[in-house]
């Protein structure tokens, strides 16, 4: 029987990531509504994250780089140390030519997640443009970095890129673009591909990503590659032509996305972690609206090995 968790699990936390460490504990990071700090929650089980006391591990700088709009922190354990990847800007003003925010991507490092976190600086991609939503993963003894970034020559706010890493804060290879917004469901409000999340199953590796603007049109697409393929070759990846996870009016859930993946307490059952809204009448900018809630639900795979996420579940 698949586990069922409270819905929503944590109110007003967008861009959620839950990581289960080898100690069996769960570690939770997400964007806070004020976009001014990074907090961490730790619990013995997923439900416990809801009542776990948030630990503030880093607060935005007073001015200059990483002083505005702290977005989408992700905690990872990489080669013996802890890292938090996040995006931040030096200003709330948009870029005059690109018509995007002006975020860059940064890394924190710690020996102990409850201890001191040290700034490792900006992750340089070789492209000077709006970038965000970095995640990392290891595959066949190589460390990869996957993120979203603006290309001024491509319509839209961001595309999905991948590169190999020299170490957890430095890229080794040049960025390779894996996806750009092209379908109507990716472009109907704002052309966007962002928020990549890695999922492995049998002989396949998937990148789930979020598409479109951040309102009720937000949804999840999927990139797929064989595990034995060259992940830095864009031709190794195929892209879904329709969303694999989206709004469900019947259940009162709208704009699910910016997901991550983890496993249930049994160590086996796959879980999708995502944010979603409970209503459509958003006042003002959807990005400034605090009511994107963290939800967690189990999913399975079809006979061909592809994930089947279903639809966002109703509130309890």
C-alpha atoms as a PDB file:
ATOM      1  CA  UNK A   1       0.000   0.000   0.000  1.00  0.00           C
ATOM      2  CA  UNK A   2       1.381   3.382  -0.985  1.00  0.00           C
ATOM      3  CA  UNK A   3       2.003   5.846   1.853  1.00  0.00           C
ATOM      4  CA  UNK A   4      -0.262   8.869   2.198  1.00  0.00           C
ATOM      5  CA  UNK A   5       0.960  12.157   3.643  1.00  0.00           C
ATOM      6  CA  UNK A   6      -0.920  15.242   4.893  1.00  0.00           C
ATOM      7  CA  UNK A   7      -1.961  17.509   2.012  1.00  0.00           C
ATOM      8  CA  UNK A   8      -0.595  20.096   2.016  1.00  0.00           C
ATOM      9  CA  UNK A   9       2.432  18.979   4.000  1.00  0.00           C
ATOM     10  CA  UNK A  10       3.900  22.444   4.589  1.00  0.00           C
ATOM     11  CA  UNK A  11       1.905  25.604   3.722  1.00  0.00           C
ATOM     12  CA  UNK A  12       3.517  28.547   1.945  1.00  0.00           C
ATOM     13  CA  UNK A  13       6.722  26.851   0.913  1.00  0.00           C
ATOM     14  CA  UNK A  14       7.493  26.933  -2.811  1.00  0.00           C
ATOM     15  CA  UNK A  15      10.198  25.140  -4.817  1.00  0.00           C
ATOM     16  CA  UNK A  16      10.491  22.306  -2.273  1.00  0.00           C
ATOM     17  CA  UNK A  17      13.210  19.691  -2.058  1.00  0.00           C
ATOM     18  CA  UNK A  18      13.275  16.726   0.325  1.00  0.00           C
ATOM     19  CA  UNK A  19      16.481  14.698   0.556  1.00  0.00           C
ATOM     20  CA  UNK A  20      16.736  11.428   2.467  1.00  0.00           C
ATOM     21  CA  UNK A  21      20.240  10.881   3.802  1.00  0.00           C
ATOM     22  CA  UNK A  22      21.981   7.617   4.633  1.00  0.00           C
ATOM     23  CA  UNK A  23      21.144   8.236   8.307  1.00  0.00           C
ATOM     24  CA  UNK A  24      17.476   7.805   7.392  1.00  0.00           C
ATOM     25  CA  UNK A  25      16.614  11.405   8.216  1.00  0.00           C
ATOM     26  CA  UNK A  26      14.801  13.736   5.834  1.00  0.00           C
ATOM     27  CA  UNK A  27      16.168  17.192   4.992  1.00  0.00           C
ATOM     28  CA  UNK A  28      13.858  19.872   3.607  1.00  0.00           C
ATOM     29  CA  UNK A  29      14.595  23.152   1.834  1.00  0.00           C
ATOM     30  CA  UNK A  30      12.292  25.531  -0.051  1.00  0.00           C
ATOM     31  CA  UNK A  31      11.772  29.174  -0.955  1.00  0.00           C
ATOM     32  CA  UNK A  32      10.295  31.235   1.880  1.00  0.00           C
ATOM     33  CA  UNK A  33       7.649  33.855   0.972  1.00  0.00           C
ATOM     34  CA  UNK A  34       9.921  36.810   1.805  1.00  0.00           C
ATOM     35  CA  UNK A  35      12.738  35.420  -0.399  1.00  0.00           C
ATOM     36  CA  UNK A  36      15.275  36.667   2.164  1.00  0.00           C
ATOM     37  CA  UNK A  37      16.901  33.607   3.748  1.00  0.00           C
ATOM     38  CA  UNK A  38      17.515  29.879   3.518  1.00  0.00           C
ATOM     39  CA  UNK A  39      16.010  27.583   6.112  1.00  0.00           C
ATOM     40  CA  UNK A  40      16.476  23.872   6.718  1.00  0.00           C
ATOM     41  CA  UNK A  41      14.164  21.374   8.390  1.00  0.00           C
ATOM     42  CA  UNK A  42      15.255  17.918   9.557  1.00  0.00           C
ATOM     43  CA  UNK A  43      13.000  15.081  10.689  1.00  0.00           C
ATOM     44  CA  UNK A  44      12.973  11.317  11.126  1.00  0.00           C
ATOM     45  CA  UNK A  45      10.037  10.983   8.733  1.00  0.00           C
ATOM     46  CA  UNK A  46       8.338  13.088   6.095  1.00  0.00           C
ATOM     47  CA  UNK A  47       5.287  13.987   8.165  1.00  0.00           C
ATOM     48  CA  UNK A  48       7.628  15.226  10.885  1.00  0.00           C
ATOM     49  CA  UNK A  49       9.002  17.888   8.553  1.00  0.00           C
ATOM     50  CA  UNK A  50       5.737  19.804   8.971  1.00  0.00           C
ATOM     51  CA  UNK A  51       6.370  20.402  12.683  1.00  0.00           C
ATOM     52  CA  UNK A  52      10.182  20.453  12.589  1.00  0.00           C
ATOM     53  CA  UNK A  53      11.674  23.743  13.758  1.00  0.00           C
ATOM     54  CA  UNK A  54      13.224  25.593  10.792  1.00  0.00           C
ATOM     55  CA  UNK A  55      16.940  26.278  11.110  1.00  0.00           C
ATOM     56  CA  UNK A  56      18.090  29.469   9.384  1.00  0.00           C
ATOM     57  CA  UNK A  57      21.380  28.479   7.760  1.00  0.00           C
ATOM     58  CA  UNK A  58      21.982  31.620   5.698  1.00  0.00           C
ATOM     59  CA  UNK A  59      20.535  35.121   5.348  1.00  0.00           C
ATOM     60  CA  UNK A  60      20.781  37.315   2.257  1.00  0.00           C
ATOM     61  CA  UNK A  61      23.636  39.767   1.956  1.00  0.00           C
ATOM     62  CA  UNK A  62      23.051  43.411   2.882  1.00  0.00           C
ATOM     63  CA  UNK A  63      23.824  44.584  -0.648  1.00  0.00           C
ATOM     64  CA  UNK A  64      25.542  43.487  -3.835  1.00  0.00           C
ATOM     65  CA  UNK A  65      25.520  39.883  -5.097  1.00  0.00           C
ATOM     66  CA  UNK A  66      23.033  37.539  -3.430  1.00  0.00           C
ATOM     67  CA  UNK A  67      21.212  40.355  -1.660  1.00  0.00           C
ATOM     68  CA  UNK A  68      17.773  40.044  -3.275  1.00  0.00           C
ATOM     69  CA  UNK A  69      15.185  37.392  -4.172  1.00  0.00           C
ATOM     70  CA  UNK A  70      16.672  34.228  -2.704  1.00  0.00           C
ATOM     71  CA  UNK A  71      15.075  31.409  -4.697  1.00  0.00           C
ATOM     72  CA  UNK A  72      14.823  27.625  -4.728  1.00  0.00           C
ATOM     73  CA  UNK A  73      17.509  26.354  -2.330  1.00  0.00           C
ATOM     74  CA  UNK A  74      18.392  22.668  -2.670  1.00  0.00           C
ATOM     75  CA  UNK A  75      20.360  20.637  -0.137  1.00  0.00           C
ATOM     76  CA  UNK A  76      22.598  17.835  -1.390  1.00  0.00           C
ATOM     77  CA  UNK A  77      25.253  15.567   0.102  1.00  0.00           C
ATOM     78  CA  UNK A  78      28.140  15.329  -2.342  1.00  0.00           C
ATOM     79  CA  UNK A  79      31.374  13.412  -1.826  1.00  0.00           C
ATOM     80  CA  UNK A  80      31.479  13.719   1.929  1.00  0.00           C
ATOM     81  CA  UNK A  81      30.170  17.258   2.427  1.00  0.00           C
ATOM     82  CA  UNK A  82      26.849  19.094   2.440  1.00  0.00           C
ATOM     83  CA  UNK A  83      25.930  21.691  -0.170  1.00  0.00           C
ATOM     84  CA  UNK A  84      23.022  24.058  -0.693  1.00  0.00           C
ATOM     85  CA  UNK A  85      22.521  25.434  -4.189  1.00  0.00           C
ATOM     86  CA  UNK A  86      20.367  28.526  -4.661  1.00  0.00           C
ATOM     87  CA  UNK A  87      19.685  31.462  -6.957  1.00  0.00           C
ATOM     88  CA  UNK A  88      19.862  35.114  -5.945  1.00  0.00           C
ATOM     89  CA  UNK A  89      20.001  38.561  -7.520  1.00  0.00           C
ATOM     90  CA  UNK A  90      21.756  41.824  -6.755  1.00  0.00           C
ATOM     91  CA  UNK A  91      18.615  43.828  -7.537  1.00  0.00           C
ATOM     92  CA  UNK A  92      14.867  43.393  -7.902  1.00  0.00           C
ATOM     93  CA  UNK A  93      14.956  45.304 -11.185  1.00  0.00           C
ATOM     94  CA  UNK A  94      14.712  43.396 -14.427  1.00  0.00           C
ATOM     95  CA  UNK A  95      17.374  43.266 -17.111  1.00  0.00           C
ATOM     96  CA  UNK A  96      16.681  46.088 -19.575  1.00  0.00           C
ATOM     97  CA  UNK A  97      17.357  43.973 -22.678  1.00  0.00           C
ATOM     98  CA  UNK A  98      16.607  40.401 -21.614  1.00  0.00           C
ATOM     99  CA  UNK A  99      13.418  41.297 -19.734  1.00  0.00           C
ATOM    100  CA  UNK A 100      14.165  38.800 -17.005  1.00  0.00           C
ATOM    101  CA  UNK A 101      15.226  38.984 -13.390  1.00  0.00           C
ATOM    102  CA  UNK A 102      18.979  39.121 -12.840  1.00  0.00           C
ATOM    103  CA  UNK A 103      19.683  36.014 -10.772  1.00  0.00           C
ATOM    104  CA  UNK A 104      22.905  34.062 -10.635  1.00  0.00           C
ATOM    105  CA  UNK A 105      23.562  30.726  -8.921  1.00  0.00           C
ATOM    106  CA  UNK A 106      25.473  30.233  -5.666  1.00  0.00           C
ATOM    107  CA  UNK A 107      26.646  27.449  -3.351  1.00  0.00           C
ATOM    108  CA  UNK A 108      26.977  26.994   0.409  1.00  0.00           C
ATOM    109  CA  UNK A 109      29.110  24.241   1.966  1.00  0.00           C
ATOM    110  CA  UNK A 110      29.087  22.588   5.397  1.00  0.00           C
ATOM    111  CA  UNK A 111      30.659  19.606   7.117  1.00  0.00           C
ATOM    112  CA  UNK A 112      27.537  19.251   9.257  1.00  0.00           C
ATOM    113  CA  UNK A 113      24.087  20.529   8.179  1.00  0.00           C
ATOM    114  CA  UNK A 114      23.489  21.710  11.753  1.00  0.00           C
ATOM    115  CA  UNK A 115      26.816  23.543  11.791  1.00  0.00           C
ATOM    116  CA  UNK A 116      28.340  26.490   9.982  1.00  0.00           C
ATOM    117  CA  UNK A 117      27.640  27.028   6.296  1.00  0.00           C
ATOM    118  CA  UNK A 118      30.326  28.729   4.210  1.00  0.00           C
ATOM    119  CA  UNK A 119      29.763  30.589   0.958  1.00  0.00           C
ATOM    120  CA  UNK A 120      31.621  28.951  -1.929  1.00  0.00           C
ATOM    121  CA  UNK A 121      30.598  31.706  -4.327  1.00  0.00           C
ATOM    122  CA  UNK A 122      28.903  31.866  -7.695  1.00  0.00           C
ATOM    123  CA  UNK A 123      28.762  28.915 -10.054  1.00  0.00           C
ATOM    124  CA  UNK A 124      30.130  30.271 -13.321  1.00  0.00           C
ATOM    125  CA  UNK A 125      28.428  28.822 -16.394  1.00  0.00           C
ATOM    126  CA  UNK A 126      30.272  30.902 -18.995  1.00  0.00           C
ATOM    127  CA  UNK A 127      27.035  32.698 -19.889  1.00  0.00           C
ATOM    128  CA  UNK A 128      26.138  36.073 -18.411  1.00  0.00           C
ATOM    129  CA  UNK A 129      22.358  35.932 -18.107  1.00  0.00           C
ATOM    130  CA  UNK A 130      19.482  35.104 -15.792  1.00  0.00           C
ATOM    131  CA  UNK A 131      19.985  31.612 -14.325  1.00  0.00           C
ATOM    132  CA  UNK A 132      18.416  29.603 -11.538  1.00  0.00           C
ATOM    133  CA  UNK A 133      17.181  26.268 -10.193  1.00  0.00           C
ATOM    134  CA  UNK A 134      20.433  24.339 -10.056  1.00  0.00           C
ATOM    135  CA  UNK A 135      20.474  20.701  -9.038  1.00  0.00           C
ATOM    136  CA  UNK A 136      23.328  18.179  -8.916  1.00  0.00           C
ATOM    137  CA  UNK A 137      23.539  14.416  -9.330  1.00  0.00           C
ATOM    138  CA  UNK A 138      26.147  11.694  -9.722  1.00  0.00           C
ATOM    139  CA  UNK A 139      26.035   9.107 -12.485  1.00  0.00           C
ATOM    140  CA  UNK A 140      28.701   6.597 -13.518  1.00  0.00           C
ATOM    141  CA  UNK A 141      31.205   8.243 -11.153  1.00  0.00           C
ATOM    142  CA  UNK A 142      30.695  11.669 -12.719  1.00  0.00           C
ATOM    143  CA  UNK A 143      29.137  14.699 -11.054  1.00  0.00           C
ATOM    144  CA  UNK A 144      26.628  16.676 -13.113  1.00  0.00           C
ATOM    145  CA  UNK A 145      25.057  20.102 -12.758  1.00  0.00           C
ATOM    146  CA  UNK A 146      21.634  20.773 -14.262  1.00  0.00           C
ATOM    147  CA  UNK A 147      19.944  24.180 -14.277  1.00  0.00           C
ATOM    148  CA  UNK A 148      17.851  26.766 -16.136  1.00  0.00           C
ATOM    149  CA  UNK A 149      19.272  29.818 -17.934  1.00  0.00           C
ATOM    150  CA  UNK A 150      18.338  32.529 -20.398  1.00  0.00           C
ATOM    151  CA  UNK A 151      19.797  32.568 -23.901  1.00  0.00           C
ATOM    152  CA  UNK A 152      19.148  36.023 -25.424  1.00  0.00           C
ATOM    153  CA  UNK A 153      18.877  34.437 -28.858  1.00  0.00           C
ATOM    154  CA  UNK A 154      16.107  32.022 -27.802  1.00  0.00           C
ATOM    155  CA  UNK A 155      12.547  33.125 -27.110  1.00  0.00           C
ATOM    156  CA  UNK A 156      11.591  32.867 -23.469  1.00  0.00           C
ATOM    157  CA  UNK A 157      12.987  33.265 -19.981  1.00  0.00           C
ATOM    158  CA  UNK A 158      15.046  30.081 -19.634  1.00  0.00           C
ATOM    159  CA  UNK A 159      16.108  26.748 -21.092  1.00  0.00           C
ATOM    160  CA  UNK A 160      17.386  23.562 -19.405  1.00  0.00           C
ATOM    161  CA  UNK A 161      21.163  22.964 -19.428  1.00  0.00           C
ATOM    162  CA  UNK A 162      23.544  20.283 -18.188  1.00  0.00           C
ATOM    163  CA  UNK A 163      27.314  20.192 -17.594  1.00  0.00           C
ATOM    164  CA  UNK A 164      29.843  17.972 -15.869  1.00  0.00           C
ATOM    165  CA  UNK A 165      31.392  19.348 -12.676  1.00  0.00           C
ATOM    166  CA  UNK A 166      35.045  19.547 -11.637  1.00  0.00           C
ATOM    167  CA  UNK A 167      33.945  19.866  -8.014  1.00  0.00           C
ATOM    168  CA  UNK A 168      30.626  20.786  -6.327  1.00  0.00           C
ATOM    169  CA  UNK A 169      31.038  24.493  -7.126  1.00  0.00           C
ATOM    170  CA  UNK A 170      32.912  24.481 -10.468  1.00  0.00           C
ATOM    171  CA  UNK A 171      31.860  23.314 -13.916  1.00  0.00           C
ATOM    172  CA  UNK A 172      34.228  21.114 -15.901  1.00  0.00           C
ATOM    173  CA  UNK A 173      32.482  21.146 -19.277  1.00  0.00           C
ATOM    174  CA  UNK A 174      30.613  23.702 -21.318  1.00  0.00           C
ATOM    175  CA  UNK A 175      26.841  23.940 -20.902  1.00  0.00           C
ATOM    176  CA  UNK A 176      24.722  21.745 -23.169  1.00  0.00           C
ATOM    177  CA  UNK A 177      21.124  22.812 -23.808  1.00  0.00           C
ATOM    178  CA  UNK A 178      18.663  19.934 -23.383  1.00  0.00           C
ATOM    179  CA  UNK A 179      15.311  21.706 -23.715  1.00  0.00           C
ATOM    180  CA  UNK A 180      13.805  25.055 -24.636  1.00  0.00           C
ATOM    181  CA  UNK A 181      10.181  26.226 -24.399  1.00  0.00           C
ATOM    182  CA  UNK A 182       8.386  25.377 -27.630  1.00  0.00           C
ATOM    183  CA  UNK A 183       5.035  23.697 -26.956  1.00  0.00           C
ATOM    184  CA  UNK A 184       1.940  25.738 -26.126  1.00  0.00           C
ATOM    185  CA  UNK A 185       1.847  24.296 -22.602  1.00  0.00           C
ATOM    186  CA  UNK A 186       5.381  25.636 -22.085  1.00  0.00           C
ATOM    187  CA  UNK A 187       4.724  29.037 -23.636  1.00  0.00           C
ATOM    188  CA  UNK A 188       1.090  30.143 -23.288  1.00  0.00           C
ATOM    189  CA  UNK A 189       1.843  32.857 -20.696  1.00  0.00           C
ATOM    190  CA  UNK A 190       5.657  33.093 -20.522  1.00  0.00           C
ATOM    191  CA  UNK A 191       7.958  30.697 -22.422  1.00  0.00           C
ATOM    192  CA  UNK A 192       9.831  28.917 -19.635  1.00  0.00           C
ATOM    193  CA  UNK A 193      11.645  25.656 -18.944  1.00  0.00           C
ATOM    194  CA  UNK A 194      13.049  25.594 -15.392  1.00  0.00           C
ATOM    195  CA  UNK A 195      13.326  23.639 -12.150  1.00  0.00           C
ATOM    196  CA  UNK A 196      15.028  20.417 -13.337  1.00  0.00           C
ATOM    197  CA  UNK A 197      14.789  17.395 -11.020  1.00  0.00           C
ATOM    198  CA  UNK A 198      16.600  14.087 -11.540  1.00  0.00           C
ATOM    199  CA  UNK A 199      14.941  10.678 -11.347  1.00  0.00           C
ATOM    200  CA  UNK A 200      16.546   7.301 -12.121  1.00  0.00           C
ATOM    201  CA  UNK A 201      14.669   4.074 -12.751  1.00  0.00           C
ATOM    202  CA  UNK A 202      16.114   0.867 -14.180  1.00  0.00           C
ATOM    203  CA  UNK A 203      17.736   1.683 -17.558  1.00  0.00           C
ATOM    204  CA  UNK A 204      16.437   5.252 -17.766  1.00  0.00           C
ATOM    205  CA  UNK A 205      17.306   8.615 -16.303  1.00  0.00           C
ATOM    206  CA  UNK A 206      14.680  11.345 -16.293  1.00  0.00           C
ATOM    207  CA  UNK A 207      14.764  15.090 -15.864  1.00  0.00           C
ATOM    208  CA  UNK A 208      11.407  16.448 -14.777  1.00  0.00           C
ATOM    209  CA  UNK A 209      11.199  20.191 -15.364  1.00  0.00           C
ATOM    210  CA  UNK A 210       8.626  22.925 -14.864  1.00  0.00           C
ATOM    211  CA  UNK A 211       7.173  24.924 -17.720  1.00  0.00           C
ATOM    212  CA  UNK A 212       5.329  28.187 -18.367  1.00  0.00           C
ATOM    213  CA  UNK A 213       4.694  31.048 -15.931  1.00  0.00           C
ATOM    214  CA  UNK A 214       4.155  30.523 -12.196  1.00  0.00           C
ATOM    215  CA  UNK A 215       0.332  30.765 -12.123  1.00  0.00           C
ATOM    216  CA  UNK A 216      -2.237  28.041 -12.763  1.00  0.00           C
ATOM    217  CA  UNK A 217      -0.582  27.298 -16.120  1.00  0.00           C
ATOM    218  CA  UNK A 218       2.533  25.920 -14.386  1.00  0.00           C
ATOM    219  CA  UNK A 219       3.100  22.216 -15.131  1.00  0.00           C
ATOM    220  CA  UNK A 220       5.766  19.514 -15.382  1.00  0.00           C
ATOM    221  CA  UNK A 221       7.419  18.097 -18.507  1.00  0.00           C
ATOM    222  CA  UNK A 222       9.862  15.222 -18.848  1.00  0.00           C
ATOM    223  CA  UNK A 223      13.210  14.546 -20.540  1.00  0.00           C
ATOM    224  CA  UNK A 224      14.411  10.954 -20.875  1.00  0.00           C
ATOM    225  CA  UNK A 225      17.780   9.329 -21.612  1.00  0.00           C
ATOM    226  CA  UNK A 226      19.196   5.821 -21.338  1.00  0.00           C
ATOM    227  CA  UNK A 227      21.493   5.375 -18.373  1.00  0.00           C
ATOM    228  CA  UNK A 228      24.339   4.164 -20.605  1.00  0.00           C
ATOM    229  CA  UNK A 229      24.112   7.151 -22.982  1.00  0.00           C
ATOM    230  CA  UNK A 230      26.282  10.263 -23.108  1.00  0.00           C
ATOM    231  CA  UNK A 231      24.332  12.631 -20.886  1.00  0.00           C
ATOM    232  CA  UNK A 232      26.212  15.609 -22.335  1.00  0.00           C
ATOM    233  CA  UNK A 233      24.914  14.852 -25.816  1.00  0.00           C
ATOM    234  CA  UNK A 234      21.583  16.593 -26.370  1.00  0.00           C
ATOM    235  CA  UNK A 235      20.662  13.850 -28.839  1.00  0.00           C
ATOM    236  CA  UNK A 236      20.634  11.341 -25.976  1.00  0.00           C
ATOM    237  CA  UNK A 237      17.538  12.994 -24.550  1.00  0.00           C
ATOM    238  CA  UNK A 238      13.928  12.858 -25.707  1.00  0.00           C
ATOM    239  CA  UNK A 239      11.300  15.348 -24.586  1.00  0.00           C
ATOM    240  CA  UNK A 240       7.654  14.706 -23.742  1.00  0.00           C
ATOM    241  CA  UNK A 241       5.239  16.466 -26.095  1.00  0.00           C
ATOM    242  CA  UNK A 242       2.681  17.004 -23.337  1.00  0.00           C
ATOM    243  CA  UNK A 243       2.801  17.685 -19.581  1.00  0.00           C
ATOM    244  CA  UNK A 244       3.239  14.718 -17.272  1.00  0.00           C
ATOM    245  CA  UNK A 245       1.829  16.518 -14.210  1.00  0.00           C
ATOM    246  CA  UNK A 246      -0.503  19.501 -14.142  1.00  0.00           C
ATOM    247  CA  UNK A 247      -3.496  21.261 -12.606  1.00  0.00           C
ATOM    248  CA  UNK A 248      -6.515  19.249 -11.478  1.00  0.00           C
ATOM    249  CA  UNK A 249      -9.662  21.339 -11.243  1.00  0.00           C
ATOM    250  CA  UNK A 250     -11.640  18.434  -9.784  1.00  0.00           C
ATOM    251  CA  UNK A 251      -9.258  18.252  -6.815  1.00  0.00           C
ATOM    252  CA  UNK A 252      -8.893  22.024  -6.484  1.00  0.00           C
ATOM    253  CA  UNK A 253      -5.163  22.002  -7.241  1.00  0.00           C
ATOM    254  CA  UNK A 254      -3.582  24.491  -9.636  1.00  0.00           C
ATOM    255  CA  UNK A 255      -0.135  25.095 -11.091  1.00  0.00           C
ATOM    256  CA  UNK A 256       1.835  22.182  -9.620  1.00  0.00           C
ATOM    257  CA  UNK A 257       5.532  22.236 -10.323  1.00  0.00           C
ATOM    258  CA  UNK A 258       9.089  22.918  -9.257  1.00  0.00           C
ATOM    259  CA  UNK A 259       9.218  19.370  -8.004  1.00  0.00           C
ATOM    260  CA  UNK A 260      11.883  17.121  -6.552  1.00  0.00           C
ATOM    261  CA  UNK A 261      12.003  13.398  -5.838  1.00  0.00           C
ATOM    262  CA  UNK A 262      12.675  11.326  -2.753  1.00  0.00           C
ATOM    263  CA  UNK A 263      11.717   7.925  -1.334  1.00  0.00           C
ATOM    264  CA  UNK A 264       9.273   6.963   1.400  1.00  0.00           C
ATOM    265  CA  UNK A 265      10.226   5.638   4.796  1.00  0.00           C
ATOM    266  CA  UNK A 266      10.295   2.106   3.388  1.00  0.00           C
ATOM    267  CA  UNK A 267      13.289   3.154   1.292  1.00  0.00           C
ATOM    268  CA  UNK A 268      11.602   1.970  -1.893  1.00  0.00           C
ATOM    269  CA  UNK A 269       8.384   3.828  -2.746  1.00  0.00           C
ATOM    270  CA  UNK A 270       9.145   6.819  -5.003  1.00  0.00           C
ATOM    271  CA  UNK A 271       7.681  10.182  -4.011  1.00  0.00           C
ATOM    272  CA  UNK A 272       7.170  13.399  -5.935  1.00  0.00           C
ATOM    273  CA  UNK A 273       7.564  16.597  -3.920  1.00  0.00           C
ATOM    274  CA  UNK A 274       6.029  19.733  -5.436  1.00  0.00           C
ATOM    275  CA  UNK A 275       4.325  23.032  -4.740  1.00  0.00           C
ATOM    276  CA  UNK A 276       0.760  23.800  -5.774  1.00  0.00           C
ATOM    277  CA  UNK A 277      -1.993  26.365  -5.170  1.00  0.00           C
ATOM    278  CA  UNK A 278      -5.525  25.766  -3.896  1.00  0.00           C
ATOM    279  CA  UNK A 279      -7.213  28.560  -5.867  1.00  0.00           C
ATOM    280  CA  UNK A 280      -7.101  30.346  -9.213  1.00  0.00           C
ATOM    281  CA  UNK A 281      -7.949  33.946  -8.310  1.00  0.00           C
ATOM    282  CA  UNK A 282      -4.419  35.187  -7.642  1.00  0.00           C
ATOM    283  CA  UNK A 283      -4.228  38.862  -6.702  1.00  0.00           C
ATOM    284  CA  UNK A 284      -1.187  40.651  -8.122  1.00  0.00           C
ATOM    285  CA  UNK A 285       1.855  38.793  -9.421  1.00  0.00           C
ATOM    286  CA  UNK A 286       1.681  34.992  -9.030  1.00  0.00           C
ATOM    287  CA  UNK A 287       5.363  35.067  -8.092  1.00  0.00           C
ATOM    288  CA  UNK A 288       4.656  37.301  -5.088  1.00  0.00           C
ATOM    289  CA  UNK A 289       1.685  35.245  -3.939  1.00  0.00           C
ATOM    290  CA  UNK A 290       2.714  33.227  -0.844  1.00  0.00           C
ATOM    291  CA  UNK A 291       0.172  30.437  -1.251  1.00  0.00           C
ATOM    292  CA  UNK A 292       2.266  27.850  -3.039  1.00  0.00           C
ATOM    293  CA  UNK A 293       2.147  24.887  -0.684  1.00  0.00           C
ATOM    294  CA  UNK A 294       4.503  21.908  -0.421  1.00  0.00           C
ATOM    295  CA  UNK A 295       2.838  18.563  -1.135  1.00  0.00           C
ATOM    296  CA  UNK A 296       4.197  15.015  -1.256  1.00  0.00           C
ATOM    297  CA  UNK A 297       2.620  11.981  -2.890  1.00  0.00           C
ATOM    298  CA  UNK A 298       3.617   8.516  -4.054  1.00  0.00           C
ATOM    299  CA  UNK A 299       3.761   7.525  -7.708  1.00  0.00           C
ATOM    300  CA  UNK A 300       4.579   4.493  -9.809  1.00  0.00           C
ATOM    301  CA  UNK A 301       5.878   3.413 -13.219  1.00  0.00           C
ATOM    302  CA  UNK A 302       4.154   2.013 -16.280  1.00  0.00           C
ATOM    303  CA  UNK A 303       5.115  -1.184 -18.123  1.00  0.00           C
ATOM    304  CA  UNK A 304       7.699   0.694 -20.189  1.00  0.00           C
ATOM    305  CA  UNK A 305       9.461   2.086 -17.132  1.00  0.00           C
ATOM    306  CA  UNK A 306       8.153   5.640 -17.372  1.00  0.00           C
ATOM    307  CA  UNK A 307       6.894   7.446 -14.248  1.00  0.00           C
ATOM    308  CA  UNK A 308       3.157   7.939 -13.831  1.00  0.00           C
ATOM    309  CA  UNK A 309       2.522  10.855 -11.485  1.00  0.00           C
ATOM    310  CA  UNK A 310      -1.261  10.990 -11.646  1.00  0.00           C
ATOM    311  CA  UNK A 311      -2.783  14.278 -10.484  1.00  0.00           C
ATOM    312  CA  UNK A 312      -2.321  16.471  -7.394  1.00  0.00           C
ATOM    313  CA  UNK A 313      -4.387  15.062  -4.551  1.00  0.00           C
ATOM    314  CA  UNK A 314      -7.174  16.860  -2.694  1.00  0.00           C
ATOM    315  CA  UNK A 315      -6.558  18.624   0.599  1.00  0.00           C
ATOM    316  CA  UNK A 316      -7.186  16.540   3.684  1.00  0.00           C
END
